[in-house]
N, C-alpha and C. Protein backbone atom coordinates (compact mmCIF):
# COMPACT_ATOMS: atom_id res chain seq x y z
N MET A 1 0.84 -1.22 0.00
CA MET A 1 0.00 0.00 0.00
C MET A 1 0.87 1.26 0.00
N THR A 2 1.81 1.33 0.97
CA THR A 2 2.67 2.51 1.05
C THR A 2 3.59 2.61 -0.17
N GLU A 3 3.98 1.45 -0.73
CA GLU A 3 4.86 1.47 -1.90
C GLU A 3 4.15 2.04 -3.12
N SER A 4 2.85 1.79 -3.23
CA SER A 4 2.11 2.33 -4.36
C SER A 4 1.80 3.81 -4.19
N LEU A 5 1.56 4.23 -2.93
CA LEU A 5 1.26 5.64 -2.67
C LEU A 5 2.53 6.50 -2.67
N PHE A 6 3.61 5.95 -2.13
CA PHE A 6 4.87 6.69 -2.01
C PHE A 6 6.01 5.85 -2.59
N PRO A 7 6.03 5.71 -3.91
CA PRO A 7 6.98 4.79 -4.54
C PRO A 7 8.45 5.19 -4.38
N ASN A 8 8.70 6.46 -4.16
CA ASN A 8 10.09 6.93 -4.10
C ASN A 8 10.62 7.09 -2.67
N VAL A 9 9.77 6.78 -1.69
CA VAL A 9 10.17 6.98 -0.30
C VAL A 9 10.93 5.77 0.21
N ASN A 10 12.14 6.02 0.68
CA ASN A 10 12.92 4.99 1.38
C ASN A 10 12.65 5.18 2.86
N TRP A 11 11.85 4.30 3.44
CA TRP A 11 11.38 4.50 4.81
C TRP A 11 12.50 4.42 5.84
N GLU A 12 13.53 3.65 5.55
CA GLU A 12 14.67 3.59 6.47
C GLU A 12 15.39 4.94 6.51
N ASN A 13 15.59 5.53 5.34
CA ASN A 13 16.20 6.86 5.28
C ASN A 13 15.31 7.92 5.91
N MET A 14 13.99 7.78 5.72
CA MET A 14 13.05 8.74 6.28
C MET A 14 13.08 8.68 7.81
N TRP A 15 13.16 7.47 8.36
CA TRP A 15 13.21 7.31 9.81
C TRP A 15 14.52 7.89 10.37
N GLU A 16 15.61 7.63 9.67
CA GLU A 16 16.91 8.16 10.10
C GLU A 16 16.89 9.69 10.07
N ALA A 17 16.30 10.27 9.03
CA ALA A 17 16.21 11.73 8.93
C ALA A 17 15.32 12.30 10.04
N THR A 18 14.26 11.58 10.37
CA THR A 18 13.38 12.02 11.47
C THR A 18 14.13 12.04 12.79
N LEU A 19 14.91 11.01 13.05
CA LEU A 19 15.71 10.96 14.28
C LEU A 19 16.73 12.09 14.32
N GLN A 20 17.32 12.40 13.18
CA GLN A 20 18.28 13.51 13.12
C GLN A 20 17.61 14.83 13.43
N THR A 21 16.41 15.04 12.88
CA THR A 21 15.68 16.27 13.17
C THR A 21 15.32 16.36 14.64
N MET A 22 14.86 15.25 15.22
CA MET A 22 14.52 15.23 16.64
C MET A 22 15.75 15.46 17.51
N TYR A 23 16.88 14.90 17.10
CA TYR A 23 18.13 15.08 17.84
C TYR A 23 18.56 16.55 17.82
N MET A 24 18.59 17.14 16.62
CA MET A 24 18.98 18.55 16.52
C MET A 24 18.05 19.45 17.31
N THR A 25 16.76 19.16 17.24
CA THR A 25 15.78 19.97 17.96
C THR A 25 15.95 19.83 19.47
N ALA A 26 16.10 18.61 19.95
CA ALA A 26 16.20 18.37 21.40
C ALA A 26 17.44 19.04 21.99
N ILE A 27 18.61 18.83 21.37
CA ILE A 27 19.84 19.41 21.90
C ILE A 27 19.80 20.93 21.85
N SER A 28 19.35 21.47 20.74
CA SER A 28 19.33 22.93 20.59
C SER A 28 18.29 23.57 21.51
N VAL A 29 17.15 22.91 21.75
CA VAL A 29 16.15 23.44 22.67
C VAL A 29 16.71 23.48 24.09
N LEU A 30 17.38 22.40 24.50
CA LEU A 30 17.95 22.36 25.85
C LEU A 30 19.00 23.46 26.03
N ALA A 31 19.90 23.59 25.07
CA ALA A 31 20.94 24.62 25.16
C ALA A 31 20.33 26.02 25.09
N THR A 32 19.33 26.19 24.25
CA THR A 32 18.66 27.49 24.12
C THR A 32 17.94 27.87 25.41
N PHE A 33 17.30 26.89 26.04
CA PHE A 33 16.60 27.14 27.30
C PHE A 33 17.57 27.67 28.37
N ILE A 34 18.71 26.99 28.50
CA ILE A 34 19.70 27.38 29.51
C ILE A 34 20.33 28.73 29.18
N LEU A 35 20.83 28.86 27.95
CA LEU A 35 21.51 30.10 27.55
C LEU A 35 20.53 31.26 27.47
N GLY A 36 19.32 31.00 26.98
CA GLY A 36 18.32 32.06 26.87
C GLY A 36 17.90 32.60 28.22
N ILE A 37 17.73 31.70 29.19
CA ILE A 37 17.37 32.16 30.54
C ILE A 37 18.50 32.98 31.14
N ALA A 38 19.75 32.53 30.94
CA ALA A 38 20.90 33.28 31.46
C ALA A 38 20.96 34.68 30.85
N LEU A 39 20.82 34.77 29.53
CA LEU A 39 20.86 36.08 28.87
C LEU A 39 19.66 36.94 29.26
N GLY A 40 18.48 36.31 29.31
CA GLY A 40 17.28 37.06 29.68
C GLY A 40 17.35 37.60 31.09
N LEU A 41 17.88 36.79 32.01
CA LEU A 41 18.06 37.25 33.39
C LEU A 41 19.01 38.44 33.44
N LEU A 42 20.13 38.34 32.72
CA LEU A 42 21.09 39.44 32.71
C LEU A 42 20.47 40.71 32.12
N LEU A 43 19.70 40.55 31.05
CA LEU A 43 19.02 41.71 30.46
C LEU A 43 18.08 42.36 31.46
N PHE A 44 17.32 41.53 32.18
CA PHE A 44 16.34 42.04 33.13
C PHE A 44 17.01 42.64 34.37
N LEU A 45 17.95 41.91 34.94
CA LEU A 45 18.53 42.32 36.21
C LEU A 45 19.43 43.54 36.09
N THR A 46 20.05 43.74 34.92
CA THR A 46 20.92 44.90 34.74
C THR A 46 20.19 46.12 34.18
N ALA A 47 18.89 45.96 33.92
CA ALA A 47 18.11 47.09 33.41
C ALA A 47 17.87 48.12 34.53
N LYS A 48 17.47 49.30 34.12
CA LYS A 48 17.26 50.40 35.07
C LYS A 48 16.23 50.03 36.13
N GLY A 49 16.58 50.24 37.40
CA GLY A 49 15.66 50.01 38.49
C GLY A 49 15.68 48.60 39.05
N ASN A 50 16.49 47.71 38.48
CA ASN A 50 16.55 46.34 38.97
C ASN A 50 17.80 46.11 39.81
N ILE A 51 17.92 44.92 40.40
CA ILE A 51 18.88 44.71 41.49
C ILE A 51 20.34 44.77 41.05
N TRP A 52 20.61 44.47 39.78
CA TRP A 52 22.00 44.55 39.29
C TRP A 52 22.12 45.67 38.25
N GLU A 53 21.44 46.75 38.45
CA GLU A 53 21.40 47.82 37.43
C GLU A 53 22.80 48.20 36.97
N ASN A 54 23.01 48.07 35.66
CA ASN A 54 24.31 48.41 35.07
C ASN A 54 24.08 48.72 33.60
N LYS A 55 24.06 49.99 33.29
CA LYS A 55 23.73 50.42 31.93
C LYS A 55 24.72 49.90 30.90
N PHE A 56 26.00 49.87 31.26
CA PHE A 56 27.03 49.44 30.32
C PHE A 56 26.87 47.95 29.98
N VAL A 57 26.76 47.12 31.00
CA VAL A 57 26.61 45.67 30.79
C VAL A 57 25.31 45.38 30.04
N ASN A 58 24.24 46.06 30.44
CA ASN A 58 22.95 45.85 29.78
C ASN A 58 23.02 46.21 28.30
N GLY A 59 23.74 47.30 28.00
CA GLY A 59 23.87 47.73 26.61
C GLY A 59 24.64 46.73 25.77
N ILE A 60 25.70 46.14 26.33
CA ILE A 60 26.50 45.15 25.60
C ILE A 60 25.67 43.90 25.32
N ILE A 61 25.00 43.39 26.36
CA ILE A 61 24.20 42.17 26.19
C ILE A 61 23.06 42.41 25.21
N ALA A 62 22.39 43.54 25.35
CA ALA A 62 21.29 43.87 24.44
C ALA A 62 21.79 43.98 23.00
N GLY A 63 22.98 44.56 22.83
CA GLY A 63 23.54 44.69 21.49
C GLY A 63 23.83 43.34 20.85
N ILE A 64 24.41 42.41 21.64
CA ILE A 64 24.71 41.07 21.13
C ILE A 64 23.42 40.34 20.77
N VAL A 65 22.44 40.42 21.66
CA VAL A 65 21.16 39.75 21.43
C VAL A 65 20.50 40.30 20.17
N ASN A 66 20.47 41.62 20.05
CA ASN A 66 19.83 42.24 18.88
C ASN A 66 20.57 41.91 17.59
N LEU A 67 21.89 41.83 17.67
CA LEU A 67 22.68 41.51 16.48
C LEU A 67 22.34 40.13 15.94
N PHE A 68 22.34 39.13 16.82
CA PHE A 68 22.07 37.76 16.37
C PHE A 68 20.61 37.57 15.98
N ARG A 69 19.72 38.32 16.61
CA ARG A 69 18.31 38.23 16.23
C ARG A 69 18.06 38.82 14.85
N SER A 70 18.92 39.72 14.43
CA SER A 70 18.70 40.45 13.17
C SER A 70 19.22 39.68 11.95
N ILE A 71 20.09 38.69 12.18
CA ILE A 71 20.70 37.98 11.05
C ILE A 71 19.77 36.86 10.60
N PRO A 72 19.36 36.83 9.33
CA PRO A 72 18.54 35.72 8.83
C PRO A 72 19.25 34.38 9.07
N PHE A 73 18.48 33.37 9.44
CA PHE A 73 19.09 32.13 9.89
C PHE A 73 19.95 31.47 8.82
N ILE A 74 19.49 31.50 7.58
CA ILE A 74 20.25 30.83 6.51
C ILE A 74 21.62 31.49 6.34
N ILE A 75 21.69 32.81 6.56
CA ILE A 75 22.97 33.53 6.49
C ILE A 75 23.82 33.20 7.72
N LEU A 76 23.16 33.09 8.89
CA LEU A 76 23.87 32.77 10.12
C LEU A 76 24.56 31.41 10.01
N ILE A 77 23.89 30.45 9.39
CA ILE A 77 24.49 29.12 9.20
C ILE A 77 25.80 29.25 8.42
N ILE A 78 25.76 30.02 7.34
CA ILE A 78 26.95 30.18 6.50
C ILE A 78 28.05 30.90 7.26
N LEU A 79 27.69 31.95 8.02
CA LEU A 79 28.68 32.70 8.78
C LEU A 79 29.37 31.84 9.84
N LEU A 80 28.62 30.90 10.40
CA LEU A 80 29.16 30.08 11.49
C LEU A 80 29.77 28.77 11.03
N ILE A 81 29.89 28.58 9.72
CA ILE A 81 30.53 27.35 9.22
C ILE A 81 31.95 27.18 9.79
N PRO A 82 32.79 28.25 9.80
CA PRO A 82 34.14 28.07 10.39
C PRO A 82 34.09 27.63 11.86
N LEU A 83 33.12 28.19 12.63
CA LEU A 83 32.99 27.80 14.03
C LEU A 83 32.58 26.34 14.15
N SER A 84 31.63 25.92 13.29
CA SER A 84 31.19 24.53 13.31
C SER A 84 32.33 23.58 12.97
N VAL A 85 33.13 23.96 11.98
CA VAL A 85 34.28 23.13 11.59
C VAL A 85 35.29 23.06 12.73
N TYR A 86 35.49 24.19 13.42
CA TYR A 86 36.45 24.23 14.53
C TYR A 86 35.99 23.37 15.70
N ILE A 87 34.70 23.46 16.03
CA ILE A 87 34.18 22.73 17.19
C ILE A 87 33.90 21.27 16.87
N ILE A 88 33.23 21.01 15.75
CA ILE A 88 32.77 19.67 15.42
C ILE A 88 33.77 18.93 14.52
N GLY A 89 34.51 19.69 13.71
CA GLY A 89 35.45 19.07 12.79
C GLY A 89 34.93 18.91 11.38
N THR A 90 33.68 19.29 11.16
CA THR A 90 33.06 19.20 9.83
C THR A 90 31.93 20.21 9.73
N MET A 91 31.57 20.56 8.50
CA MET A 91 30.44 21.47 8.28
C MET A 91 29.18 20.70 7.93
N LEU A 92 29.26 19.36 7.86
CA LEU A 92 28.13 18.53 7.47
C LEU A 92 27.64 17.70 8.65
N GLY A 93 26.36 17.37 8.63
CA GLY A 93 25.79 16.51 9.66
C GLY A 93 25.03 17.27 10.73
N ALA A 94 24.30 16.51 11.54
CA ALA A 94 23.43 17.10 12.56
C ALA A 94 24.22 17.88 13.61
N ASN A 95 25.35 17.35 14.06
CA ASN A 95 26.14 18.05 15.09
C ASN A 95 26.66 19.38 14.58
N ALA A 96 27.03 19.43 13.30
CA ALA A 96 27.58 20.66 12.73
C ALA A 96 26.55 21.79 12.70
N ALA A 97 25.26 21.45 12.72
CA ALA A 97 24.22 22.47 12.68
C ALA A 97 23.95 23.08 14.05
N LEU A 98 24.37 22.42 15.12
CA LEU A 98 24.01 22.85 16.47
C LEU A 98 24.49 24.26 16.82
N PRO A 99 25.75 24.64 16.53
CA PRO A 99 26.16 26.01 16.88
C PRO A 99 25.26 27.08 16.26
N ALA A 100 24.91 26.91 14.99
CA ALA A 100 24.05 27.89 14.33
C ALA A 100 22.63 27.86 14.90
N LEU A 101 22.11 26.67 15.18
CA LEU A 101 20.76 26.56 15.74
C LEU A 101 20.68 27.27 17.09
N ILE A 102 21.67 27.04 17.93
CA ILE A 102 21.67 27.65 19.27
C ILE A 102 21.89 29.15 19.18
N ALA A 103 22.84 29.57 18.33
CA ALA A 103 23.12 31.00 18.18
C ALA A 103 21.93 31.75 17.59
N GLY A 104 21.13 31.05 16.77
CA GLY A 104 19.96 31.69 16.18
C GLY A 104 18.77 31.77 17.11
N ALA A 105 18.63 30.76 17.99
CA ALA A 105 17.44 30.68 18.83
C ALA A 105 17.61 31.31 20.21
N ALA A 106 18.80 31.21 20.80
CA ALA A 106 19.00 31.70 22.17
C ALA A 106 18.71 33.20 22.32
N PRO A 107 19.18 34.06 21.42
CA PRO A 107 18.86 35.49 21.56
C PRO A 107 17.36 35.77 21.44
N PHE A 108 16.70 35.04 20.55
CA PHE A 108 15.25 35.17 20.39
C PHE A 108 14.54 34.81 21.70
N TYR A 109 14.95 33.69 22.29
CA TYR A 109 14.33 33.25 23.55
C TYR A 109 14.70 34.18 24.69
N ALA A 110 15.92 34.73 24.67
CA ALA A 110 16.35 35.63 25.74
C ALA A 110 15.41 36.82 25.87
N ARG A 111 14.96 37.36 24.74
CA ARG A 111 14.03 38.48 24.78
C ARG A 111 12.68 38.04 25.36
N MET A 112 12.26 36.82 25.05
CA MET A 112 11.01 36.31 25.61
C MET A 112 11.14 36.12 27.13
N VAL A 113 12.32 35.69 27.57
CA VAL A 113 12.58 35.55 29.01
C VAL A 113 12.52 36.91 29.68
N GLU A 114 13.16 37.91 29.08
CA GLU A 114 13.15 39.26 29.64
C GLU A 114 11.72 39.78 29.78
N ILE A 115 10.90 39.58 28.76
CA ILE A 115 9.50 40.03 28.80
C ILE A 115 8.75 39.30 29.91
N ALA A 116 8.97 37.98 30.04
CA ALA A 116 8.29 37.20 31.08
C ALA A 116 8.67 37.70 32.47
N LEU A 117 9.93 38.03 32.67
CA LEU A 117 10.39 38.51 33.98
C LEU A 117 9.82 39.89 34.30
N ARG A 118 9.66 40.70 33.28
CA ARG A 118 9.07 42.03 33.50
C ARG A 118 7.63 41.94 33.97
N GLU A 119 6.96 40.86 33.62
CA GLU A 119 5.55 40.70 33.99
C GLU A 119 5.36 40.18 35.42
N VAL A 120 6.46 39.80 36.07
CA VAL A 120 6.36 39.36 37.46
C VAL A 120 6.00 40.56 38.33
N ASP A 121 5.05 40.36 39.22
CA ASP A 121 4.57 41.43 40.10
C ASP A 121 5.73 41.97 40.94
N LYS A 122 6.01 43.27 40.79
CA LYS A 122 7.11 43.88 41.54
C LYS A 122 6.85 43.85 43.05
N GLY A 123 5.59 43.77 43.42
CA GLY A 123 5.27 43.70 44.83
C GLY A 123 5.82 42.44 45.49
N VAL A 124 5.83 41.34 44.74
CA VAL A 124 6.37 40.09 45.27
C VAL A 124 7.88 40.22 45.48
N ILE A 125 8.55 40.88 44.54
CA ILE A 125 9.99 41.08 44.66
C ILE A 125 10.30 41.98 45.85
N GLU A 126 9.54 43.07 45.98
CA GLU A 126 9.77 44.01 47.08
C GLU A 126 9.50 43.35 48.43
N ALA A 127 8.50 42.49 48.49
CA ALA A 127 8.20 41.78 49.73
C ALA A 127 9.35 40.86 50.11
N SER A 128 9.93 40.18 49.12
CA SER A 128 11.07 39.30 49.39
C SER A 128 12.28 40.09 49.88
N GLN A 129 12.50 41.26 49.25
CA GLN A 129 13.62 42.10 49.67
C GLN A 129 13.42 42.60 51.10
N SER A 130 12.19 42.96 51.43
CA SER A 130 11.91 43.47 52.78
C SER A 130 12.11 42.40 53.85
N MET A 131 11.99 41.13 53.46
CA MET A 131 12.21 40.03 54.39
C MET A 131 13.66 39.58 54.42
N GLY A 132 14.51 40.32 53.71
CA GLY A 132 15.94 40.05 53.77
C GLY A 132 16.43 38.98 52.81
N ALA A 133 15.66 38.66 51.80
CA ALA A 133 16.08 37.64 50.83
C ALA A 133 17.29 38.14 50.03
N SER A 134 18.22 37.24 49.80
CA SER A 134 19.40 37.59 49.01
C SER A 134 19.02 37.72 47.54
N ASN A 135 19.92 38.29 46.75
CA ASN A 135 19.66 38.42 45.32
C ASN A 135 19.47 37.06 44.66
N GLY A 136 20.29 36.09 45.08
CA GLY A 136 20.16 34.74 44.53
C GLY A 136 18.81 34.13 44.84
N ALA A 137 18.35 34.33 46.07
CA ALA A 137 17.04 33.80 46.46
C ALA A 137 15.92 34.47 45.67
N ILE A 138 16.06 35.76 45.43
CA ILE A 138 15.04 36.47 44.66
C ILE A 138 14.96 35.93 43.24
N VAL A 139 16.13 35.65 42.66
CA VAL A 139 16.18 35.14 41.28
C VAL A 139 15.59 33.75 41.20
N PHE A 140 16.08 32.84 42.07
CA PHE A 140 15.74 31.42 41.93
C PHE A 140 14.48 30.99 42.68
N LYS A 141 14.05 31.79 43.65
CA LYS A 141 12.86 31.41 44.42
C LYS A 141 11.66 32.32 44.17
N VAL A 142 11.90 33.44 43.49
CA VAL A 142 10.80 34.36 43.22
C VAL A 142 10.63 34.58 41.71
N LEU A 143 11.65 35.16 41.09
CA LEU A 143 11.52 35.55 39.68
C LEU A 143 11.25 34.36 38.76
N LEU A 144 12.13 33.37 38.80
CA LEU A 144 11.99 32.23 37.87
C LEU A 144 10.73 31.42 38.13
N PRO A 145 10.40 31.08 39.39
CA PRO A 145 9.15 30.33 39.62
C PRO A 145 7.91 31.11 39.18
N GLU A 146 7.88 32.42 39.45
CA GLU A 146 6.72 33.23 39.08
C GLU A 146 6.58 33.34 37.56
N ALA A 147 7.71 33.38 36.87
CA ALA A 147 7.68 33.55 35.41
C ALA A 147 7.64 32.22 34.66
N MET A 148 7.70 31.09 35.37
CA MET A 148 7.87 29.80 34.72
C MET A 148 6.80 29.46 33.67
N PRO A 149 5.51 29.72 33.92
CA PRO A 149 4.52 29.43 32.86
C PRO A 149 4.84 30.16 31.56
N ALA A 150 5.21 31.44 31.66
CA ALA A 150 5.56 32.20 30.46
C ALA A 150 6.86 31.69 29.85
N LEU A 151 7.80 31.24 30.68
CA LEU A 151 9.06 30.71 30.17
C LEU A 151 8.83 29.41 29.39
N ILE A 152 7.96 28.56 29.89
CA ILE A 152 7.64 27.31 29.19
C ILE A 152 6.91 27.59 27.90
N SER A 153 5.97 28.52 27.95
CA SER A 153 5.26 28.91 26.74
C SER A 153 6.23 29.47 25.71
N GLY A 154 7.19 30.25 26.16
CA GLY A 154 8.17 30.84 25.26
C GLY A 154 9.09 29.81 24.65
N ILE A 155 9.52 28.83 25.44
CA ILE A 155 10.43 27.81 24.88
C ILE A 155 9.67 26.89 23.93
N THR A 156 8.37 26.77 24.10
CA THR A 156 7.57 26.00 23.15
C THR A 156 7.56 26.68 21.79
N VAL A 157 7.32 27.99 21.80
CA VAL A 157 7.36 28.76 20.54
C VAL A 157 8.74 28.66 19.91
N THR A 158 9.78 28.76 20.73
CA THR A 158 11.15 28.69 20.23
C THR A 158 11.47 27.31 19.67
N ALA A 159 10.99 26.27 20.33
CA ALA A 159 11.23 24.91 19.86
C ALA A 159 10.62 24.68 18.49
N ILE A 160 9.43 25.23 18.28
CA ILE A 160 8.77 25.10 16.98
C ILE A 160 9.56 25.86 15.91
N ALA A 161 10.07 27.03 16.28
CA ALA A 161 10.92 27.77 15.34
C ALA A 161 12.19 26.98 15.02
N LEU A 162 12.72 26.27 16.02
CA LEU A 162 13.93 25.49 15.81
C LEU A 162 13.71 24.32 14.85
N VAL A 163 12.52 23.76 14.86
CA VAL A 163 12.21 22.70 13.89
C VAL A 163 12.33 23.24 12.47
N SER A 164 11.80 24.43 12.26
CA SER A 164 11.92 25.05 10.93
C SER A 164 13.37 25.40 10.62
N TYR A 165 14.13 25.79 11.65
CA TYR A 165 15.55 26.08 11.45
C TYR A 165 16.30 24.81 11.02
N THR A 166 15.95 23.66 11.62
CA THR A 166 16.63 22.41 11.23
C THR A 166 16.36 22.09 9.77
N ALA A 167 15.15 22.43 9.30
CA ALA A 167 14.82 22.18 7.89
C ALA A 167 15.69 23.06 6.99
N MET A 168 15.87 24.33 7.38
CA MET A 168 16.74 25.21 6.61
C MET A 168 18.19 24.76 6.67
N ALA A 169 18.61 24.30 7.84
CA ALA A 169 19.98 23.80 7.99
C ALA A 169 20.22 22.58 7.11
N GLY A 170 19.16 21.80 6.89
CA GLY A 170 19.28 20.63 6.04
C GLY A 170 19.64 20.95 4.62
N VAL A 171 19.26 22.13 4.15
CA VAL A 171 19.56 22.54 2.77
C VAL A 171 21.07 22.69 2.57
N VAL A 172 21.81 23.02 3.64
CA VAL A 172 23.25 23.17 3.52
C VAL A 172 24.00 21.97 4.12
N GLY A 173 23.31 20.84 4.17
CA GLY A 173 24.00 19.59 4.51
C GLY A 173 23.97 19.17 5.96
N ALA A 174 23.02 19.70 6.74
CA ALA A 174 22.98 19.35 8.16
C ALA A 174 22.26 18.04 8.44
N GLY A 175 21.66 17.44 7.43
CA GLY A 175 20.90 16.22 7.66
C GLY A 175 19.49 16.53 8.11
N GLY A 176 18.75 15.48 8.47
CA GLY A 176 17.39 15.67 8.93
C GLY A 176 16.38 15.68 7.80
N LEU A 177 15.14 15.94 8.16
CA LEU A 177 14.05 15.91 7.18
C LEU A 177 14.17 17.00 6.13
N GLY A 178 14.69 18.15 6.51
CA GLY A 178 14.88 19.23 5.54
C GLY A 178 15.86 18.83 4.46
N ASN A 179 16.94 18.21 4.88
CA ASN A 179 17.95 17.74 3.93
C ASN A 179 17.39 16.68 3.00
N LEU A 180 16.61 15.75 3.57
CA LEU A 180 16.02 14.68 2.76
C LEU A 180 15.00 15.24 1.77
N ALA A 181 14.17 16.17 2.24
CA ALA A 181 13.16 16.77 1.36
C ALA A 181 13.81 17.53 0.21
N TYR A 182 14.93 18.18 0.48
CA TYR A 182 15.60 18.96 -0.56
C TYR A 182 16.35 18.07 -1.55
N LEU A 183 17.18 17.15 -1.02
CA LEU A 183 18.02 16.34 -1.90
C LEU A 183 17.23 15.24 -2.61
N GLU A 184 16.45 14.48 -1.82
CA GLU A 184 15.72 13.34 -2.40
C GLU A 184 14.38 13.75 -2.99
N GLY A 185 13.79 14.81 -2.45
CA GLY A 185 12.48 15.24 -2.93
C GLY A 185 12.55 16.27 -4.04
N PHE A 186 13.08 17.44 -3.70
CA PHE A 186 13.08 18.55 -4.67
C PHE A 186 14.04 18.32 -5.83
N GLN A 187 15.31 18.04 -5.50
CA GLN A 187 16.31 17.95 -6.56
C GLN A 187 16.07 16.75 -7.49
N ARG A 188 15.50 15.68 -6.98
CA ARG A 188 15.26 14.50 -7.82
C ARG A 188 13.81 14.41 -8.30
N ASN A 189 13.06 15.49 -8.06
CA ASN A 189 11.67 15.57 -8.51
C ASN A 189 10.83 14.40 -8.00
N ASN A 190 10.93 14.16 -6.68
CA ASN A 190 10.13 13.13 -6.01
C ASN A 190 9.19 13.81 -5.02
N PRO A 191 8.03 14.29 -5.48
CA PRO A 191 7.14 15.03 -4.59
C PRO A 191 6.63 14.21 -3.41
N ASP A 192 6.56 12.88 -3.55
CA ASP A 192 6.09 12.05 -2.44
C ASP A 192 7.08 12.08 -1.27
N VAL A 193 8.37 12.17 -1.57
CA VAL A 193 9.37 12.27 -0.51
C VAL A 193 9.22 13.60 0.23
N THR A 194 9.04 14.67 -0.53
CA THR A 194 8.84 15.99 0.08
C THR A 194 7.58 16.02 0.92
N LEU A 195 6.53 15.38 0.43
CA LEU A 195 5.26 15.36 1.16
C LEU A 195 5.39 14.63 2.48
N VAL A 196 5.99 13.45 2.47
CA VAL A 196 6.13 12.66 3.70
C VAL A 196 7.02 13.39 4.70
N ALA A 197 8.13 13.98 4.22
CA ALA A 197 9.01 14.73 5.11
C ALA A 197 8.28 15.91 5.74
N THR A 198 7.46 16.59 4.95
CA THR A 198 6.69 17.73 5.46
C THR A 198 5.68 17.30 6.52
N VAL A 199 5.00 16.19 6.27
CA VAL A 199 4.01 15.68 7.23
C VAL A 199 4.70 15.31 8.54
N LEU A 200 5.87 14.69 8.47
CA LEU A 200 6.59 14.30 9.68
C LEU A 200 7.04 15.53 10.47
N ILE A 201 7.45 16.59 9.76
CA ILE A 201 7.81 17.83 10.44
C ILE A 201 6.59 18.42 11.15
N LEU A 202 5.44 18.37 10.49
CA LEU A 202 4.20 18.87 11.10
C LEU A 202 3.82 18.07 12.33
N VAL A 203 4.06 16.75 12.29
CA VAL A 203 3.77 15.90 13.45
C VAL A 203 4.68 16.29 14.63
N ILE A 204 5.96 16.51 14.35
CA ILE A 204 6.89 16.92 15.41
C ILE A 204 6.46 18.25 16.01
N VAL A 205 6.07 19.19 15.16
CA VAL A 205 5.62 20.50 15.64
C VAL A 205 4.37 20.36 16.50
N ALA A 206 3.43 19.52 16.07
CA ALA A 206 2.19 19.32 16.83
C ALA A 206 2.48 18.72 18.20
N ILE A 207 3.40 17.75 18.26
CA ILE A 207 3.77 17.14 19.54
C ILE A 207 4.40 18.18 20.47
N LEU A 208 5.27 19.01 19.93
CA LEU A 208 5.90 20.06 20.74
C LEU A 208 4.86 21.04 21.26
N GLN A 209 3.93 21.44 20.41
CA GLN A 209 2.91 22.41 20.81
C GLN A 209 2.01 21.85 21.91
N VAL A 210 1.53 20.63 21.73
CA VAL A 210 0.65 20.02 22.73
C VAL A 210 1.40 19.81 24.04
N SER A 211 2.64 19.33 23.97
CA SER A 211 3.43 19.10 25.18
C SER A 211 3.67 20.41 25.92
N GLY A 212 4.00 21.47 25.17
CA GLY A 212 4.23 22.76 25.80
C GLY A 212 2.98 23.32 26.44
N ASP A 213 1.85 23.21 25.76
CA ASP A 213 0.59 23.72 26.31
C ASP A 213 0.20 22.97 27.59
N LEU A 214 0.35 21.64 27.58
CA LEU A 214 0.00 20.85 28.76
C LEU A 214 0.91 21.18 29.93
N THR A 215 2.20 21.36 29.66
CA THR A 215 3.15 21.70 30.73
C THR A 215 2.85 23.07 31.30
N THR A 216 2.55 24.02 30.45
CA THR A 216 2.23 25.38 30.90
C THR A 216 1.00 25.38 31.80
N ARG A 217 -0.03 24.65 31.39
CA ARG A 217 -1.25 24.57 32.21
C ARG A 217 -0.98 23.89 33.55
N ALA A 218 -0.12 22.89 33.54
CA ALA A 218 0.15 22.14 34.76
C ALA A 218 0.88 22.98 35.82
N ILE A 219 1.76 23.87 35.37
CA ILE A 219 2.52 24.64 36.33
C ILE A 219 1.96 26.03 36.60
N ASP A 220 0.96 26.43 35.82
CA ASP A 220 0.35 27.73 36.02
C ASP A 220 -0.69 27.63 37.14
N LYS A 221 -0.38 28.22 38.29
CA LYS A 221 -1.26 28.12 39.47
C LYS A 221 -2.22 29.29 39.60
N ARG A 222 -2.19 30.18 38.59
CA ARG A 222 -3.08 31.36 38.70
C ARG A 222 -4.52 30.98 38.47
């Protein structure tokens, strides 16, 4: 049945490409979550009126974040090829795409983290300060827990964007479903391969969206 509907699809290659896409997405989402929260915290805490107010540091971090957010991802991949070769040893394959994926997504998520932290009730922060809470306690016991629903929602949006980034990375040899759809589907004029790869990407996106929504609802106590 599947052979007649999708005569050009090699299911073993399709499964391998799916695993590569899931691998790139999982590693880059984890790294983006950690790095994005760190950058977002620094942006928030060094802003005017906050506990680590520092205009110079805030300006540098904001500049770096804005710079990387402004570069189209396909160009960023090309710019970071030397870095990928230096770190991974090659410009091809799933691992080689990770530096560009993380560099493209972390600044985007950092801004979402900053926005989420701004929405935390300042009264809660002031109450913690009045009770003698340290800066570390305010960050890890007040700010992050209060903002966590928005942080999870934000990383869900970022994860979905990263799936599309992996597809673009595939065009320049990163592997995954994007690479398979381009090489085996588009270049060889096999629309069934492109169709199946597209459907699998949509399934991954749907799973990420549902998982993110359920997690956000579970931890949102409001």
